[in-house]
């Protein structure tokens, strides 16, 4: 099992299945123990770090050596933008999930 440029999208897409699980755990719909919250959020956080870094490494391997500096800056910007948007989505979901 090796992750390459051609198949990195598969675990990244599968990781999005954790988002509904986090919401269900936060609302105590199926998962009534806080350990589930920690497990889902920890797995999502580890996946963000691992796959985000791996995407940056794989992306830098696709460009010419003279373009690596620009590619590194753009991929870092894209990763940080995704983290900000994910945080904003988390704030929005907190308002949606919050008990009345």
C-alpha atoms as a PDB file:
ATOM      1  CA  UNK A   1       0.000   0.000   0.000  1.00  0.00           C
ATOM      2  CA  UNK A   2       1.794   3.046  -1.239  1.00  0.00           C
ATOM      3  CA  UNK A   3       0.273   6.470  -1.608  1.00  0.00           C
ATOM      4  CA  UNK A   4       1.130   8.183  -4.859  1.00  0.00           C
ATOM      5  CA  UNK A   5      -0.095  11.186  -6.789  1.00  0.00           C
ATOM      6  CA  UNK A   6      -2.628   8.948  -8.516  1.00  0.00           C
ATOM      7  CA  UNK A   7      -4.250   7.510  -5.384  1.00  0.00           C
ATOM      8  CA  UNK A   8      -3.777  10.084  -2.599  1.00  0.00           C
ATOM      9  CA  UNK A   9      -7.327  11.325  -3.157  1.00  0.00           C
ATOM     10  CA  UNK A  10      -8.834   8.046  -1.914  1.00  0.00           C
ATOM     11  CA  UNK A  11      -7.881   8.299   1.794  1.00  0.00           C
ATOM     12  CA  UNK A  12      -8.497  12.057   1.708  1.00  0.00           C
ATOM     13  CA  UNK A  13     -12.033  11.468   0.421  1.00  0.00           C
ATOM     14  CA  UNK A  14     -12.643   8.641   2.901  1.00  0.00           C
ATOM     15  CA  UNK A  15     -11.556  10.930   5.735  1.00  0.00           C
ATOM     16  CA  UNK A  16     -14.536  13.187   5.050  1.00  0.00           C
ATOM     17  CA  UNK A  17     -16.772  10.377   6.332  1.00  0.00           C
ATOM     18  CA  UNK A  18     -15.533  11.283   9.814  1.00  0.00           C
ATOM     19  CA  UNK A  19     -17.288  14.667   9.731  1.00  0.00           C
ATOM     20  CA  UNK A  20     -20.824  13.258  10.140  1.00  0.00           C
ATOM     21  CA  UNK A  21     -19.503  10.922  12.832  1.00  0.00           C
ATOM     22  CA  UNK A  22     -18.099  13.897  14.752  1.00  0.00           C
ATOM     23  CA  UNK A  23     -21.461  15.667  14.497  1.00  0.00           C
ATOM     24  CA  UNK A  24     -23.377  12.560  15.598  1.00  0.00           C
ATOM     25  CA  UNK A  25     -21.013  12.081  18.517  1.00  0.00           C
ATOM     26  CA  UNK A  26     -21.354  15.730  19.542  1.00  0.00           C
ATOM     27  CA  UNK A  27     -25.146  15.485  19.523  1.00  0.00           C
ATOM     28  CA  UNK A  28     -25.081  12.152  21.387  1.00  0.00           C
ATOM     29  CA  UNK A  29     -27.186  10.528  18.678  1.00  0.00           C
ATOM     30  CA  UNK A  30     -25.362   7.212  18.373  1.00  0.00           C
ATOM     31  CA  UNK A  31     -22.222   7.676  20.414  1.00  0.00           C
ATOM     32  CA  UNK A  32     -22.938   8.482  24.053  1.00  0.00           C
ATOM     33  CA  UNK A  33     -19.400   8.329  25.404  1.00  0.00           C
ATOM     34  CA  UNK A  34     -16.908  11.202  25.170  1.00  0.00           C
ATOM     35  CA  UNK A  35     -14.255   8.714  24.161  1.00  0.00           C
ATOM     36  CA  UNK A  36     -15.905   8.537  20.729  1.00  0.00           C
ATOM     37  CA  UNK A  37     -15.588  12.316  20.375  1.00  0.00           C
ATOM     38  CA  UNK A  38     -11.894  12.153  21.174  1.00  0.00           C
ATOM     39  CA  UNK A  39     -11.355   9.203  18.836  1.00  0.00           C
ATOM     40  CA  UNK A  40     -13.112  10.803  15.856  1.00  0.00           C
ATOM     41  CA  UNK A  41     -11.558  14.242  16.323  1.00  0.00           C
ATOM     42  CA  UNK A  42      -8.117  12.747  16.934  1.00  0.00           C
ATOM     43  CA  UNK A  43      -8.365  10.596  13.818  1.00  0.00           C
ATOM     44  CA  UNK A  44      -9.541  13.575  11.786  1.00  0.00           C
ATOM     45  CA  UNK A  45      -6.707  15.736  13.121  1.00  0.00           C
ATOM     46  CA  UNK A  46      -4.075  13.083  12.476  1.00  0.00           C
ATOM     47  CA  UNK A  47      -5.439  12.570   8.968  1.00  0.00           C
ATOM     48  CA  UNK A  48      -5.354  16.308   8.276  1.00  0.00           C
ATOM     49  CA  UNK A  49      -1.727  16.539   9.303  1.00  0.00           C
ATOM     50  CA  UNK A  50      -0.546  13.349   7.646  1.00  0.00           C
ATOM     51  CA  UNK A  51      -2.367  13.636   4.345  1.00  0.00           C
ATOM     52  CA  UNK A  52      -1.878  17.404   4.111  1.00  0.00           C
ATOM     53  CA  UNK A  53       1.865  17.029   4.518  1.00  0.00           C
ATOM     54  CA  UNK A  54       1.961  14.084   2.141  1.00  0.00           C
ATOM     55  CA  UNK A  55       0.097  16.086  -0.514  1.00  0.00           C
ATOM     56  CA  UNK A  56       2.644  18.894  -0.207  1.00  0.00           C
ATOM     57  CA  UNK A  57       5.523  16.446  -0.575  1.00  0.00           C
ATOM     58  CA  UNK A  58       3.950  14.730  -3.573  1.00  0.00           C
ATOM     59  CA  UNK A  59       3.074  18.044  -5.213  1.00  0.00           C
ATOM     60  CA  UNK A  60       6.630  19.333  -4.902  1.00  0.00           C
ATOM     61  CA  UNK A  61       7.853  16.190  -6.625  1.00  0.00           C
ATOM     62  CA  UNK A  62       5.810  16.988  -9.730  1.00  0.00           C
ATOM     63  CA  UNK A  63       7.329  20.356 -10.613  1.00  0.00           C
ATOM     64  CA  UNK A  64      10.620  21.409 -12.149  1.00  0.00           C
ATOM     65  CA  UNK A  65      13.460  22.175  -9.719  1.00  0.00           C
ATOM     66  CA  UNK A  66      13.286  25.877 -10.577  1.00  0.00           C
ATOM     67  CA  UNK A  67       9.596  25.978  -9.596  1.00  0.00           C
ATOM     68  CA  UNK A  68       9.883  24.151  -6.269  1.00  0.00           C
ATOM     69  CA  UNK A  69      10.082  27.328  -4.164  1.00  0.00           C
ATOM     70  CA  UNK A  70       6.920  28.786  -5.677  1.00  0.00           C
ATOM     71  CA  UNK A  71       5.172  25.432  -5.468  1.00  0.00           C
ATOM     72  CA  UNK A  72       6.089  25.142  -1.791  1.00  0.00           C
ATOM     73  CA  UNK A  73       4.668  28.578  -1.037  1.00  0.00           C
ATOM     74  CA  UNK A  74       1.453  27.886  -2.945  1.00  0.00           C
ATOM     75  CA  UNK A  75       0.884  24.501  -1.346  1.00  0.00           C
ATOM     76  CA  UNK A  76       1.544  25.954   2.113  1.00  0.00           C
ATOM     77  CA  UNK A  77      -0.955  28.724   1.367  1.00  0.00           C
ATOM     78  CA  UNK A  78      -3.514  26.181   0.147  1.00  0.00           C
ATOM     79  CA  UNK A  79      -3.041  24.012   3.239  1.00  0.00           C
ATOM     80  CA  UNK A  80      -3.355  26.954   5.622  1.00  0.00           C
ATOM     81  CA  UNK A  81      -6.402  28.254   3.753  1.00  0.00           C
ATOM     82  CA  UNK A  82      -7.996  24.843   4.122  1.00  0.00           C
ATOM     83  CA  UNK A  83      -7.270  24.849   7.841  1.00  0.00           C
ATOM     84  CA  UNK A  84      -8.880  28.277   8.222  1.00  0.00           C
ATOM     85  CA  UNK A  85     -11.937  27.243   6.215  1.00  0.00           C
ATOM     86  CA  UNK A  86     -12.194  24.040   8.231  1.00  0.00           C
ATOM     87  CA  UNK A  87     -12.072  26.028  11.455  1.00  0.00           C
ATOM     88  CA  UNK A  88     -14.788  28.353  10.201  1.00  0.00           C
ATOM     89  CA  UNK A  89     -16.888  25.347   9.250  1.00  0.00           C
ATOM     90  CA  UNK A  90     -16.323  23.975  12.740  1.00  0.00           C
ATOM     91  CA  UNK A  91     -17.571  27.219  14.266  1.00  0.00           C
ATOM     92  CA  UNK A  92     -20.643  27.081  12.049  1.00  0.00           C
ATOM     93  CA  UNK A  93     -21.304  23.443  12.937  1.00  0.00           C
ATOM     94  CA  UNK A  94     -20.892  24.299  16.607  1.00  0.00           C
ATOM     95  CA  UNK A  95     -23.788  26.713  16.253  1.00  0.00           C
ATOM     96  CA  UNK A  96     -25.856  24.097  14.424  1.00  0.00           C
ATOM     97  CA  UNK A  97     -25.047  21.222  16.760  1.00  0.00           C
ATOM     98  CA  UNK A  98     -25.281  23.173  20.001  1.00  0.00           C
ATOM     99  CA  UNK A  99     -28.167  22.003  22.158  1.00  0.00           C
ATOM    100  CA  UNK A 100     -31.067  24.459  22.506  1.00  0.00           C
END
